[in-house]
Amino acid sequence: MTEENQNKTIYAGDSHTLRDTVVDKDGDAKNISGADIIWQLFAIGSDGEPTGTALISKSTGDSPATISISDGAGGIFDVTVDPEDTEDLSGRYYHVAKVTDGSGDIATVTTGYIYIK
């Protein structure tokens, strides 16, 4: 199930850990042990929709990993945002996370806006 309106505020040039929880259609934690996760940040166009390619892209497949599953059974994952990722950004951006489970099923699990000050 997609958790929409997961809005956050962060400060440009700071280290950040963004924590999210994946839930099923009943609102219960979904087991994400062994899942592949990708998180992306996009600029927003004049229509309020994300534009172009991702400004920042993080995944469990990065080396070193920029997304860690901190509690697989509890559906919790953490995205590491480094200072250099945001040092030149300011304003409102759109973020999205997608999970690919062990069966190969892909689900958009969180969306929202990030305000970078």
PDB file of N, CA and C in Angstrom:
ATOM      1  N   MET A   1       0.844  -1.177   0.000  1.00  0.00           N
ATOM      2  CA  MET A   1       0.000   0.000   0.000  1.00  0.00           C
ATOM      3  C   MET A   1       0.889   1.239   0.000  1.00  0.00           C
ATOM      4  N   THR A   2       0.536   2.221  -0.781  1.00  0.00           N
ATOM      5  CA  THR A   2       1.322   3.446  -0.866  1.00  0.00           C
ATOM      6  C   THR A   2       0.933   4.396   0.262  1.00  0.00           C
ATOM      7  N   GLU A   3       1.953   4.821   1.013  1.00  0.00           N
ATOM      8  CA  GLU A   3       1.763   5.852   2.030  1.00  0.00           C
ATOM      9  C   GLU A   3       2.029   7.190   1.353  1.00  0.00           C
ATOM     10  N   GLU A   4       0.963   7.951   1.086  1.00  0.00           N
ATOM     11  CA  GLU A   4       1.098   9.240   0.415  1.00  0.00           C
ATOM     12  C   GLU A   4       1.273  10.355   1.429  1.00  0.00           C
ATOM     13  N   ASN A   5       1.675  11.514   0.928  1.00  0.00           N
ATOM     14  CA  ASN A   5       1.851  12.715   1.750  1.00  0.00           C
ATOM     15  C   ASN A   5       2.854  12.505   2.878  1.00  0.00           C
ATOM     16  N   GLN A   6       3.916  11.768   2.579  1.00  0.00           N
ATOM     17  CA  GLN A   6       4.992  11.566   3.555  1.00  0.00           C
ATOM     18  C   GLN A   6       5.969  12.735   3.420  1.00  0.00           C
ATOM     19  N   ASN A   7       5.524  13.886   3.891  1.00  0.00           N
ATOM     20  CA  ASN A   7       6.270  15.130   3.729  1.00  0.00           C
ATOM     21  C   ASN A   7       7.300  15.284   4.837  1.00  0.00           C
ATOM     22  N   LYS A   8       8.466  15.811   4.460  1.00  0.00           N
ATOM     23  CA  LYS A   8       9.565  15.969   5.392  1.00  0.00           C
ATOM     24  C   LYS A   8      10.247  17.303   5.133  1.00  0.00           C
ATOM     25  N   THR A   9      10.932  17.827   6.134  1.00  0.00           N
ATOM     26  CA  THR A   9      11.758  19.016   5.991  1.00  0.00           C
ATOM     27  C   THR A   9      13.175  18.663   6.412  1.00  0.00           C
ATOM     28  N   ILE A  10      14.140  19.009   5.566  1.00  0.00           N
ATOM     29  CA  ILE A  10      15.540  18.779   5.891  1.00  0.00           C
ATOM     30  C   ILE A  10      16.332  20.044   5.565  1.00  0.00           C
ATOM     31  N   TYR A  11      17.585  20.074   5.984  1.00  0.00           N
ATOM     32  CA  TYR A  11      18.439  21.228   5.741  1.00  0.00           C
ATOM     33  C   TYR A  11      19.536  20.864   4.743  1.00  0.00           C
ATOM     34  N   ALA A  12      19.720  21.732   3.752  1.00  0.00           N
ATOM     35  CA  ALA A  12      20.734  21.513   2.725  1.00  0.00           C
ATOM     36  C   ALA A  12      22.107  21.366   3.360  1.00  0.00           C
ATOM     37  N   GLY A  13      22.877  20.409   2.859  1.00  0.00           N
ATOM     38  CA  GLY A  13      24.241  20.216   3.316  1.00  0.00           C
ATOM     39  C   GLY A  13      24.386  19.480   4.627  1.00  0.00           C
ATOM     40  N   ASP A  14      23.289  18.998   5.205  1.00  0.00           N
ATOM     41  CA  ASP A  14      23.346  18.228   6.449  1.00  0.00           C
ATOM     42  C   ASP A  14      23.238  16.732   6.129  1.00  0.00           C
ATOM     43  N   SER A  15      23.706  15.909   7.062  1.00  0.00           N
ATOM     44  CA  SER A  15      23.501  14.466   6.980  1.00  0.00           C
ATOM     45  C   SER A  15      22.082  14.161   7.457  1.00  0.00           C
ATOM     46  N   HIS A  16      21.402  13.255   6.759  1.00  0.00           N
ATOM     47  CA  HIS A  16      20.031  12.908   7.127  1.00  0.00           C
ATOM     48  C   HIS A  16      19.816  11.405   6.987  1.00  0.00           C
ATOM     49  N   THR A  17      19.010  10.855   7.877  1.00  0.00           N
ATOM     50  CA  THR A  17      18.525   9.495   7.735  1.00  0.00           C
ATOM     51  C   THR A  17      17.010   9.583   7.685  1.00  0.00           C
ATOM     52  N   LEU A  18      16.454   9.201   6.560  1.00  0.00           N
ATOM     53  CA  LEU A  18      15.002   9.252   6.369  1.00  0.00           C
ATOM     54  C   LEU A  18      14.454   7.851   6.604  1.00  0.00           C
ATOM     55  N   ARG A  19      13.602   7.701   7.594  1.00  0.00           N
ATOM     56  CA  ARG A  19      13.048   6.397   7.956  1.00  0.00           C
ATOM     57  C   ARG A  19      11.623   6.280   7.435  1.00  0.00           C
ATOM     58  N   ASP A  20      11.329   5.134   6.825  1.00  0.00           N
ATOM     59  CA  ASP A  20       9.980   4.856   6.337  1.00  0.00           C
ATOM     60  C   ASP A  20       9.575   3.440   6.721  1.00  0.00           C
ATOM     61  N   THR A  21       8.264   3.239   6.833  1.00  0.00           N
ATOM     62  CA  THR A  21       7.713   1.924   7.156  1.00  0.00           C
ATOM     63  C   THR A  21       6.763   1.498   6.047  1.00  0.00           C
ATOM     64  N   VAL A  22       6.960   0.292   5.552  1.00  0.00           N
ATOM     65  CA  VAL A  22       6.107  -0.268   4.495  1.00  0.00           C
ATOM     66  C   VAL A  22       4.957  -1.007   5.161  1.00  0.00           C
ATOM     67  N   VAL A  23       3.742  -0.709   4.710  1.00  0.00           N
ATOM     68  CA  VAL A  23       2.556  -1.361   5.270  1.00  0.00           C
ATOM     69  C   VAL A  23       1.735  -2.007   4.156  1.00  0.00           C
ATOM     70  N   ASP A  24       0.928  -3.002   4.544  1.00  0.00           N
ATOM     71  CA  ASP A  24       0.048  -3.653   3.581  1.00  0.00           C
ATOM     72  C   ASP A  24      -1.287  -2.919   3.513  1.00  0.00           C
ATOM     73  N   LYS A  25      -2.226  -3.454   2.757  1.00  0.00           N
ATOM     74  CA  LYS A  25      -3.520  -2.781   2.566  1.00  0.00           C
ATOM     75  C   LYS A  25      -4.316  -2.622   3.852  1.00  0.00           C
ATOM     76  N   ASP A  26      -4.008  -3.442   4.870  1.00  0.00           N
ATOM     77  CA  ASP A  26      -4.695  -3.344   6.156  1.00  0.00           C
ATOM     78  C   ASP A  26      -3.986  -2.412   7.139  1.00  0.00           C
ATOM     79  N   GLY A  27      -2.849  -1.841   6.695  1.00  0.00           N
ATOM     80  CA  GLY A  27      -2.092  -0.942   7.557  1.00  0.00           C
ATOM     81  C   GLY A  27      -1.107  -1.649   8.472  1.00  0.00           C
ATOM     82  N   ASP A  28      -0.946  -2.956   8.279  1.00  0.00           N
ATOM     83  CA  ASP A  28       0.006  -3.729   9.081  1.00  0.00           C
ATOM     84  C   ASP A  28       1.376  -3.699   8.406  1.00  0.00           C
ATOM     85  N   ALA A  29       2.437  -3.781   9.208  1.00  0.00           N
ATOM     86  CA  ALA A  29       3.793  -3.793   8.669  1.00  0.00           C
ATOM     87  C   ALA A  29       3.959  -4.949   7.691  1.00  0.00           C
ATOM     88  N   LYS A  30       4.616  -4.670   6.566  1.00  0.00           N
ATOM     89  CA  LYS A  30       4.881  -5.702   5.555  1.00  0.00           C
ATOM     90  C   LYS A  30       6.336  -6.132   5.690  1.00  0.00           C
ATOM     91  N   ASN A  31       6.565  -7.411   5.675  1.00  0.00           N
ATOM     92  CA  ASN A  31       7.921  -7.928   5.785  1.00  0.00           C
ATOM     93  C   ASN A  31       8.690  -7.604   4.501  1.00  0.00           C
ATOM     94  N   ILE A  32       9.784  -6.842   4.657  1.00  0.00           N
ATOM     95  CA  ILE A  32      10.594  -6.457   3.501  1.00  0.00           C
ATOM     96  C   ILE A  32      11.996  -7.075   3.567  1.00  0.00           C
ATOM     97  N   SER A  33      12.156  -8.084   4.399  1.00  0.00           N
ATOM     98  CA  SER A  33      13.457  -8.754   4.495  1.00  0.00           C
ATOM     99  C   SER A  33      13.880  -9.237   3.112  1.00  0.00           C
ATOM    100  N   GLY A  34      15.091  -8.890   2.694  1.00  0.00           N
ATOM    101  CA  GLY A  34      15.615  -9.322   1.403  1.00  0.00           C
ATOM    102  C   GLY A  34      15.094  -8.549   0.205  1.00  0.00           C
ATOM    103  N   ALA A  35      14.265  -7.542   0.421  1.00  0.00           N
ATOM    104  CA  ALA A  35      13.703  -6.766  -0.693  1.00  0.00           C
ATOM    105  C   ALA A  35      14.743  -5.793  -1.253  1.00  0.00           C
ATOM    106  N   ASP A  36      14.553  -5.397  -2.497  1.00  0.00           N
ATOM    107  CA  ASP A  36      15.336  -4.324  -3.103  1.00  0.00           C
ATOM    108  C   ASP A  36      14.494  -3.055  -3.012  1.00  0.00           C
ATOM    109  N   ILE A  37      15.132  -1.962  -2.584  1.00  0.00           N
ATOM    110  CA  ILE A  37      14.421  -0.699  -2.407  1.00  0.00           C
ATOM    111  C   ILE A  37      15.166   0.395  -3.150  1.00  0.00           C
ATOM    112  N   ILE A  38      14.416   1.260  -3.829  1.00  0.00           N
ATOM    113  CA  ILE A  38      14.993   2.435  -4.461  1.00  0.00           C
ATOM    114  C   ILE A  38      14.209   3.658  -4.001  1.00  0.00           C
ATOM    115  N   TRP A  39      14.935   4.723  -3.666  1.00  0.00           N
ATOM    116  CA  TRP A  39      14.333   5.998  -3.236  1.00  0.00           C
ATOM    117  C   TRP A  39      14.888   7.072  -4.151  1.00  0.00           C
ATOM    118  N   GLN A  40      14.000   7.971  -4.639  1.00  0.00           N
ATOM    119  CA  GLN A  40      14.444   9.013  -5.556  1.00  0.00           C
ATOM    120  C   GLN A  40      13.820  10.361  -5.189  1.00  0.00           C
ATOM    121  N   LEU A  41      14.572  11.420  -5.507  1.00  0.00           N
ATOM    122  CA  LEU A  41      14.133  12.793  -5.295  1.00  0.00           C
ATOM    123  C   LEU A  41      14.092  13.497  -6.637  1.00  0.00           C
ATOM    124  N   PHE A  42      12.966  14.173  -6.921  1.00  0.00           N
ATOM    125  CA  PHE A  42      12.756  14.839  -8.202  1.00  0.00           C
ATOM    126  C   PHE A  42      12.444  16.315  -8.008  1.00  0.00           C
ATOM    127  N   ALA A  43      12.832  17.126  -8.998  1.00  0.00           N
ATOM    128  CA  ALA A  43      12.381  18.516  -9.052  1.00  0.00           C
ATOM    129  C   ALA A  43      10.890  18.510  -9.357  1.00  0.00           C
ATOM    130  N   ILE A  44      10.233  19.632  -9.074  1.00  0.00           N
ATOM    131  CA  ILE A  44       8.791  19.749  -9.321  1.00  0.00           C
ATOM    132  C   ILE A  44       8.563  20.818 -10.382  1.00  0.00           C
ATOM    133  N   GLY A  45       7.740  20.483 -11.377  1.00  0.00           N
ATOM    134  CA  GLY A  45       7.417  21.427 -12.436  1.00  0.00           C
ATOM    135  C   GLY A  45       6.351  22.424 -11.999  1.00  0.00           C
ATOM    136  N   SER A  46       6.033  23.344 -12.879  1.00  0.00           N
ATOM    137  CA  SER A  46       5.034  24.376 -12.576  1.00  0.00           C
ATOM    138  C   SER A  46       3.652  23.779 -12.341  1.00  0.00           C
ATOM    139  N   ASP A  47       3.424  22.547 -12.829  1.00  0.00           N
ATOM    140  CA  ASP A  47       2.142  21.878 -12.624  1.00  0.00           C
ATOM    141  C   ASP A  47       2.096  21.112 -11.295  1.00  0.00           C
ATOM    142  N   GLY A  48       3.199  21.170 -10.515  1.00  0.00           N
ATOM    143  CA  GLY A  48       3.238  20.486  -9.220  1.00  0.00           C
ATOM    144  C   GLY A  48       3.627  19.026  -9.304  1.00  0.00           C
ATOM    145  N   GLU A  49       3.918  18.538 -10.515  1.00  0.00           N
ATOM    146  CA  GLU A  49       4.285  17.145 -10.728  1.00  0.00           C
ATOM    147  C   GLU A  49       5.804  17.001 -10.846  1.00  0.00           C
ATOM    148  N   PRO A  50       6.337  15.819 -10.492  1.00  0.00           N
ATOM    149  CA  PRO A  50       7.776  15.597 -10.639  1.00  0.00           C
ATOM    150  C   PRO A  50       8.208  15.706 -12.097  1.00  0.00           C
ATOM    151  N   THR A  51       9.424  16.215 -12.310  1.00  0.00           N
ATOM    152  CA  THR A  51       9.918  16.409 -13.671  1.00  0.00           C
ATOM    153  C   THR A  51      11.248  15.704 -13.880  1.00  0.00           C
ATOM    154  N   GLY A  52      11.498  15.315 -15.124  1.00  0.00           N
ATOM    155  CA  GLY A  52      12.799  14.819 -15.538  1.00  0.00           C
ATOM    156  C   GLY A  52      13.311  13.611 -14.790  1.00  0.00           C
ATOM    157  N   THR A  53      14.612  13.487 -14.787  1.00  0.00           N
ATOM    158  CA  THR A  53      15.260  12.374 -14.107  1.00  0.00           C
ATOM    159  C   THR A  53      15.508  12.737 -12.647  1.00  0.00           C
ATOM    160  N   ALA A  54      15.740  11.731 -11.849  1.00  0.00           N
ATOM    161  CA  ALA A  54      15.942  11.929 -10.411  1.00  0.00           C
ATOM    162  C   ALA A  54      17.190  12.772 -10.146  1.00  0.00           C
ATOM    163  N   LEU A  55      17.070  13.712  -9.222  1.00  0.00           N
ATOM    164  CA  LEU A  55      18.215  14.499  -8.774  1.00  0.00           C
ATOM    165  C   LEU A  55      19.075  13.682  -7.814  1.00  0.00           C
ATOM    166  N   ILE A  56      18.423  12.839  -7.033  1.00  0.00           N
ATOM    167  CA  ILE A  56      19.097  11.941  -6.095  1.00  0.00           C
ATOM    168  C   ILE A  56      18.443  10.578  -6.240  1.00  0.00           C
ATOM    169  N   SER A  57      19.260   9.542  -6.271  1.00  0.00           N
ATOM    170  CA  SER A  57      18.748   8.176  -6.337  1.00  0.00           C
ATOM    171  C   SER A  57      19.555   7.317  -5.378  1.00  0.00           C
ATOM    172  N   LYS A  58      18.875   6.585  -4.503  1.00  0.00           N
ATOM    173  CA  LYS A  58      19.497   5.734  -3.494  1.00  0.00           C
ATOM    174  C   LYS A  58      18.876   4.344  -3.598  1.00  0.00           C
ATOM    175  N   SER A  59      19.681   3.307  -3.282  1.00  0.00           N
ATOM    176  CA  SER A  59      19.108   1.966  -3.320  1.00  0.00           C
ATOM    177  C   SER A  59      19.857   1.011  -2.398  1.00  0.00           C
ATOM    178  N   THR A  60      19.203  -0.116  -2.128  1.00  0.00           N
ATOM    179  CA  THR A  60      19.839  -1.164  -1.335  1.00  0.00           C
ATOM    180  C   THR A  60      20.976  -1.798  -2.115  1.00  0.00           C
ATOM    181  N   GLY A  61      20.996  -1.633  -3.425  1.00  0.00           N
ATOM    182  CA  GLY A  61      22.035  -2.224  -4.253  1.00  0.00           C
ATOM    183  C   GLY A  61      23.290  -1.377  -4.382  1.00  0.00           C
ATOM    184  N   ASP A  62      23.281  -0.147  -3.838  1.00  0.00           N
ATOM    185  CA  ASP A  62      24.461   0.707  -3.894  1.00  0.00           C
ATOM    186  C   ASP A  62      25.592   0.086  -3.087  1.00  0.00           C
ATOM    187  N   SER A  63      26.817   0.425  -3.443  1.00  0.00           N
ATOM    188  CA  SER A  63      27.968  -0.037  -2.674  1.00  0.00           C
ATOM    189  C   SER A  63      28.815   1.165  -2.292  1.00  0.00           C
ATOM    190  N   PRO A  64      28.839   1.559  -1.029  1.00  0.00           N
ATOM    191  CA  PRO A  64      28.097   0.924   0.069  1.00  0.00           C
ATOM    192  C   PRO A  64      26.605   1.254  -0.026  1.00  0.00           C
ATOM    193  N   ALA A  65      25.805   0.442   0.619  1.00  0.00           N
ATOM    194  CA  ALA A  65      24.351   0.610   0.573  1.00  0.00           C
ATOM    195  C   ALA A  65      23.946   1.977   1.113  1.00  0.00           C
ATOM    196  N   THR A  66      23.058   2.668   0.390  1.00  0.00           N
ATOM    197  CA  THR A  66      22.545   3.962   0.828  1.00  0.00           C
ATOM    198  C   THR A  66      21.134   3.824   1.392  1.00  0.00           C
ATOM    199  N   ILE A  67      20.602   2.604   1.283  1.00  0.00           N
ATOM    200  CA  ILE A  67      19.339   2.267   1.948  1.00  0.00           C
ATOM    201  C   ILE A  67      19.594   0.990   2.721  1.00  0.00           C
ATOM    202  N   SER A  68      19.211   1.013   3.995  1.00  0.00           N
ATOM    203  CA  SER A  68      19.352  -0.193   4.811  1.00  0.00           C
ATOM    204  C   SER A  68      17.988  -0.598   5.333  1.00  0.00           C
ATOM    205  N   ILE A  69      17.774  -1.893   5.405  1.00  0.00           N
ATOM    206  CA  ILE A  69      16.547  -2.422   6.005  1.00  0.00           C
ATOM    207  C   ILE A  69      16.860  -2.631   7.480  1.00  0.00           C
ATOM    208  N   SER A  70      16.326  -1.758   8.319  1.00  0.00           N
ATOM    209  CA  SER A  70      16.663  -1.800   9.743  1.00  0.00           C
ATOM    210  C   SER A  70      15.793  -2.765  10.534  1.00  0.00           C
ATOM    211  N   ASP A  71      14.596  -3.071  10.028  1.00  0.00           N
ATOM    212  CA  ASP A  71      13.708  -4.052  10.665  1.00  0.00           C
ATOM    213  C   ASP A  71      12.851  -4.659   9.560  1.00  0.00           C
ATOM    214  N   GLY A  72      13.371  -5.731   8.945  1.00  0.00           N
ATOM    215  CA  GLY A  72      12.671  -6.343   7.810  1.00  0.00           C
ATOM    216  C   GLY A  72      11.270  -6.791   8.142  1.00  0.00           C
ATOM    217  N   ALA A  73      11.102  -7.498   9.263  1.00  0.00           N
ATOM    218  CA  ALA A  73       9.779  -7.993   9.658  1.00  0.00           C
ATOM    219  C   ALA A  73       8.833  -6.844   9.975  1.00  0.00           C
ATOM    220  N   GLY A  74       9.384  -5.738  10.475  1.00  0.00           N
ATOM    221  CA  GLY A  74       8.570  -4.575  10.814  1.00  0.00           C
ATOM    222  C   GLY A  74       8.385  -3.616   9.653  1.00  0.00           C
ATOM    223  N   GLY A  75       8.979  -3.933   8.477  1.00  0.00           N
ATOM    224  CA  GLY A  75       8.794  -3.110   7.288  1.00  0.00           C
ATOM    225  C   GLY A  75       9.559  -1.801   7.297  1.00  0.00           C
ATOM    226  N   ILE A  76      10.582  -1.671   8.137  1.00  0.00           N
ATOM    227  CA  ILE A  76      11.269  -0.391   8.309  1.00  0.00           C
ATOM    228  C   ILE A  76      12.577  -0.347   7.521  1.00  0.00           C
ATOM    229  N   PHE A  77      12.745   0.744   6.769  1.00  0.00           N
ATOM    230  CA  PHE A  77      14.004   0.971   6.064  1.00  0.00           C
ATOM    231  C   PHE A  77      14.453   2.415   6.258  1.00  0.00           C
ATOM    232  N   ASP A  78      15.769   2.613   6.137  1.00  0.00           N
ATOM    233  CA  ASP A  78      16.377   3.929   6.314  1.00  0.00           C
ATOM    234  C   ASP A  78      17.122   4.329   5.048  1.00  0.00           C
ATOM    235  N   VAL A  79      16.929   5.578   4.634  1.00  0.00           N
ATOM    236  CA  VAL A  79      17.624   6.143   3.484  1.00  0.00           C
ATOM    237  C   VAL A  79      18.681   7.111   4.007  1.00  0.00           C
ATOM    238  N   THR A  80      19.934   6.908   3.602  1.00  0.00           N
ATOM    239  CA  THR A  80      21.020   7.803   4.010  1.00  0.00           C
ATOM    240  C   THR A  80      21.180   8.896   2.958  1.00  0.00           C
ATOM    241  N   VAL A  81      20.997  10.146   3.390  1.00  0.00           N
ATOM    242  CA  VAL A  81      21.197  11.299   2.517  1.00  0.00           C
ATOM    243  C   VAL A  81      22.452  12.005   3.021  1.00  0.00           C
ATOM    244  N   ASP A  82      23.458  12.058   2.167  1.00  0.00           N
ATOM    245  CA  ASP A  82      24.735  12.665   2.530  1.00  0.00           C
ATOM    246  C   ASP A  82      24.707  14.177   2.300  1.00  0.00           C
ATOM    247  N   PRO A  83      25.570  14.932   2.997  1.00  0.00           N
ATOM    248  CA  PRO A  83      25.586  16.392   2.833  1.00  0.00           C
ATOM    249  C   PRO A  83      25.729  16.844   1.380  1.00  0.00           C
ATOM    250  N   GLU A  84      26.588  16.174   0.611  1.00  0.00           N
ATOM    251  CA  GLU A  84      26.802  16.600  -0.778  1.00  0.00           C
ATOM    252  C   GLU A  84      25.582  16.344  -1.668  1.00  0.00           C
ATOM    253  N   ASP A  85      24.672  15.485  -1.234  1.00  0.00           N
ATOM    254  CA  ASP A  85      23.452  15.225  -2.013  1.00  0.00           C
ATOM    255  C   ASP A  85      22.568  16.465  -2.098  1.00  0.00           C
ATOM    256  N   THR A  86      22.551  17.270  -1.034  1.00  0.00           N
ATOM    257  CA  THR A  86      21.598  18.382  -0.954  1.00  0.00           C
ATOM    258  C   THR A  86      22.238  19.764  -0.861  1.00  0.00           C
ATOM    259  N   GLU A  87      23.570  19.839  -0.849  1.00  0.00           N
ATOM    260  CA  GLU A  87      24.212  21.123  -0.579  1.00  0.00           C
ATOM    261  C   GLU A  87      23.841  22.219  -1.570  1.00  0.00           C
ATOM    262  N   ASP A  88      23.455  21.859  -2.789  1.00  0.00           N
ATOM    263  CA  ASP A  88      23.087  22.858  -3.803  1.00  0.00           C
ATOM    264  C   ASP A  88      21.581  22.924  -4.047  1.00  0.00           C
ATOM    265  N   LEU A  89      20.780  22.327  -3.170  1.00  0.00           N
ATOM    266  CA  LEU A  89      19.333  22.292  -3.364  1.00  0.00           C
ATOM    267  C   LEU A  89      18.620  23.174  -2.348  1.00  0.00           C
ATOM    268  N   SER A  90      17.494  23.743  -2.772  1.00  0.00           N
ATOM    269  CA  SER A  90      16.663  24.554  -1.893  1.00  0.00           C
ATOM    270  C   SER A  90      15.248  24.574  -2.466  1.00  0.00           C
ATOM    271  N   GLY A  91      14.263  24.445  -1.589  1.00  0.00           N
ATOM    272  CA  GLY A  91      12.878  24.499  -2.045  1.00  0.00           C
ATOM    273  C   GLY A  91      12.149  23.188  -1.849  1.00  0.00           C
ATOM    274  N   ARG A  92      11.085  23.009  -2.622  1.00  0.00           N
ATOM    275  CA  ARG A  92      10.228  21.834  -2.494  1.00  0.00           C
ATOM    276  C   ARG A  92      10.538  20.838  -3.607  1.00  0.00           C
ATOM    277  N   TYR A  93      10.640  19.572  -3.215  1.00  0.00           N
ATOM    278  CA  TYR A  93      10.945  18.473  -4.127  1.00  0.00           C
ATOM    279  C   TYR A  93       9.988  17.322  -3.849  1.00  0.00           C
ATOM    280  N   TYR A  94       9.891  16.399  -4.807  1.00  0.00           N
ATOM    281  CA  TYR A  94       9.025  15.229  -4.687  1.00  0.00           C
ATOM    282  C   TYR A  94       9.903  14.005  -4.445  1.00  0.00           C
ATOM    283  N   HIS A  95       9.506  13.139  -3.499  1.00  0.00           N
ATOM    284  CA  HIS A  95      10.262  11.908  -3.289  1.00  0.00           C
ATOM    285  C   HIS A  95       9.342  10.699  -3.373  1.00  0.00           C
ATOM    286  N   VAL A  96       9.946   9.570  -3.779  1.00  0.00           N
ATOM    287  CA  VAL A  96       9.197   8.329  -3.956  1.00  0.00           C
ATOM    288  C   VAL A  96      10.110   7.156  -3.620  1.00  0.00           C
ATOM    289  N   ALA A  97       9.545   6.129  -3.003  1.00  0.00           N
ATOM    290  CA  ALA A  97      10.277   4.889  -2.731  1.00  0.00           C
ATOM    291  C   ALA A  97       9.495   3.725  -3.320  1.00  0.00           C
ATOM    292  N   LYS A  98      10.245   2.800  -3.948  1.00  0.00           N
ATOM    293  CA  LYS A  98       9.649   1.596  -4.529  1.00  0.00           C
ATOM    294  C   LYS A  98      10.375   0.377  -3.989  1.00  0.00           C
ATOM    295  N   VAL A  99       9.602  -0.670  -3.708  1.00  0.00           N
ATOM    296  CA  VAL A  99      10.139  -1.917  -3.172  1.00  0.00           C
ATOM    297  C   VAL A  99       9.864  -3.037  -4.174  1.00  0.00           C
ATOM    298  N   THR A 100      10.916  -3.824  -4.427  1.00  0.00           N
ATOM    299  CA  THR A 100      10.769  -5.040  -5.222  1.00  0.00           C
ATOM    300  C   THR A 100      10.951  -6.208  -4.264  1.00  0.00           C
ATOM    301  N   ASP A 101       9.902  -7.007  -4.093  1.00  0.00           N
ATOM    302  CA  ASP A 101       9.979  -8.111  -3.131  1.00  0.00           C
ATOM    303  C   ASP A 101      10.624  -9.340  -3.758  1.00  0.00           C
ATOM    304  N   GLY A 102      10.770 -10.391  -2.975  1.00  0.00           N
ATOM    305  CA  GLY A 102      11.417 -11.620  -3.420  1.00  0.00           C
ATOM    306  C   GLY A 102      10.738 -12.283  -4.596  1.00  0.00           C
ATOM    307  N   SER A 103       9.454 -11.995  -4.814  1.00  0.00           N
ATOM    308  CA  SER A 103       8.719 -12.561  -5.949  1.00  0.00           C
ATOM    309  C   SER A 103       8.871 -11.722  -7.213  1.00  0.00           C
ATOM    310  N   GLY A 104       9.553 -10.565  -7.089  1.00  0.00           N
ATOM    311  CA  GLY A 104       9.715  -9.673  -8.229  1.00  0.00           C
ATOM    312  C   GLY A 104       8.606  -8.658  -8.372  1.00  0.00           C
ATOM    313  N   ASP A 105       7.659  -8.644  -7.423  1.00  0.00           N
ATOM    314  CA  ASP A 105       6.574  -7.669  -7.464  1.00  0.00           C
ATOM    315  C   ASP A 105       7.105  -6.306  -7.032  1.00  0.00           C
ATOM    316  N   ILE A 106       6.739  -5.260  -7.773  1.00  0.00           N
ATOM    317  CA  ILE A 106       7.174  -3.896  -7.494  1.00  0.00           C
ATOM    318  C   ILE A 106       6.001  -3.102  -6.947  1.00  0.00           C
ATOM    319  N   ALA A 107       6.256  -2.365  -5.858  1.00  0.00           N
ATOM    320  CA  ALA A 107       5.212  -1.539  -5.257  1.00  0.00           C
ATOM    321  C   ALA A 107       5.782  -0.179  -4.881  1.00  0.00           C
ATOM    322  N   THR A 108       5.056   0.877  -5.237  1.00  0.00           N
ATOM    323  CA  THR A 108       5.392   2.210  -4.757  1.00  0.00           C
ATOM    324  C   THR A 108       4.890   2.263  -3.319  1.00  0.00           C
ATOM    325  N   VAL A 109       5.804   2.482  -2.364  1.00  0.00           N
ATOM    326  CA  VAL A 109       5.422   2.376  -0.958  1.00  0.00           C
ATOM    327  C   VAL A 109       5.328   3.714  -0.239  1.00  0.00           C
ATOM    328  N   THR A 110       5.971   4.737  -0.764  1.00  0.00           N
ATOM    329  CA  THR A 110       5.860   6.049  -0.130  1.00  0.00           C
ATOM    330  C   THR A 110       6.071   7.150  -1.161  1.00  0.00           C
ATOM    331  N   THR A 111       5.302   8.225  -1.021  1.00  0.00           N
ATOM    332  CA  THR A 111       5.458   9.405  -1.855  1.00  0.00           C
ATOM    333  C   THR A 111       5.232  10.634  -0.991  1.00  0.00           C
ATOM    334  N   GLY A 112       5.707  11.756  -1.450  1.00  0.00           N
ATOM    335  CA  GLY A 112       5.468  12.994  -0.720  1.00  0.00           C
ATOM    336  C   GLY A 112       6.427  14.076  -1.174  1.00  0.00           C
ATOM    337  N   TYR A 113       6.468  15.133  -0.391  1.00  0.00           N
ATOM    338  CA  TYR A 113       7.341  16.259  -0.705  1.00  0.00           C
ATOM    339  C   TYR A 113       8.418  16.377   0.361  1.00  0.00           C
ATOM    340  N   ILE A 114       9.574  16.817  -0.078  1.00  0.00           N
ATOM    341  CA  ILE A 114      10.656  17.145   0.850  1.00  0.00           C
ATOM    342  C   ILE A 114      10.954  18.610   0.660  1.00  0.00           C
ATOM    343  N   TYR A 115      10.942  19.346   1.748  1.00  0.00           N
ATOM    344  CA  TYR A 115      11.293  20.757   1.743  1.00  0.00           C
ATOM    345  C   TYR A 115      12.746  20.851   2.199  1.00  0.00           C
ATOM    346  N   ILE A 116      13.585  21.424   1.358  1.00  0.00           N
ATOM    347  CA  ILE A 116      14.989  21.579   1.694  1.00  0.00           C
ATOM    348  C   ILE A 116      15.238  23.046   1.979  1.00  0.00           C
ATOM    349  N   LYS A 117      15.682  23.317   3.201  1.00  0.00           N
ATOM    350  CA  LYS A 117      15.956  24.691   3.623  1.00  0.00           C
ATOM    351  C   LYS A 117      17.438  24.989   3.493  1.00  0.00           C
TER     352      LYS A 117
END
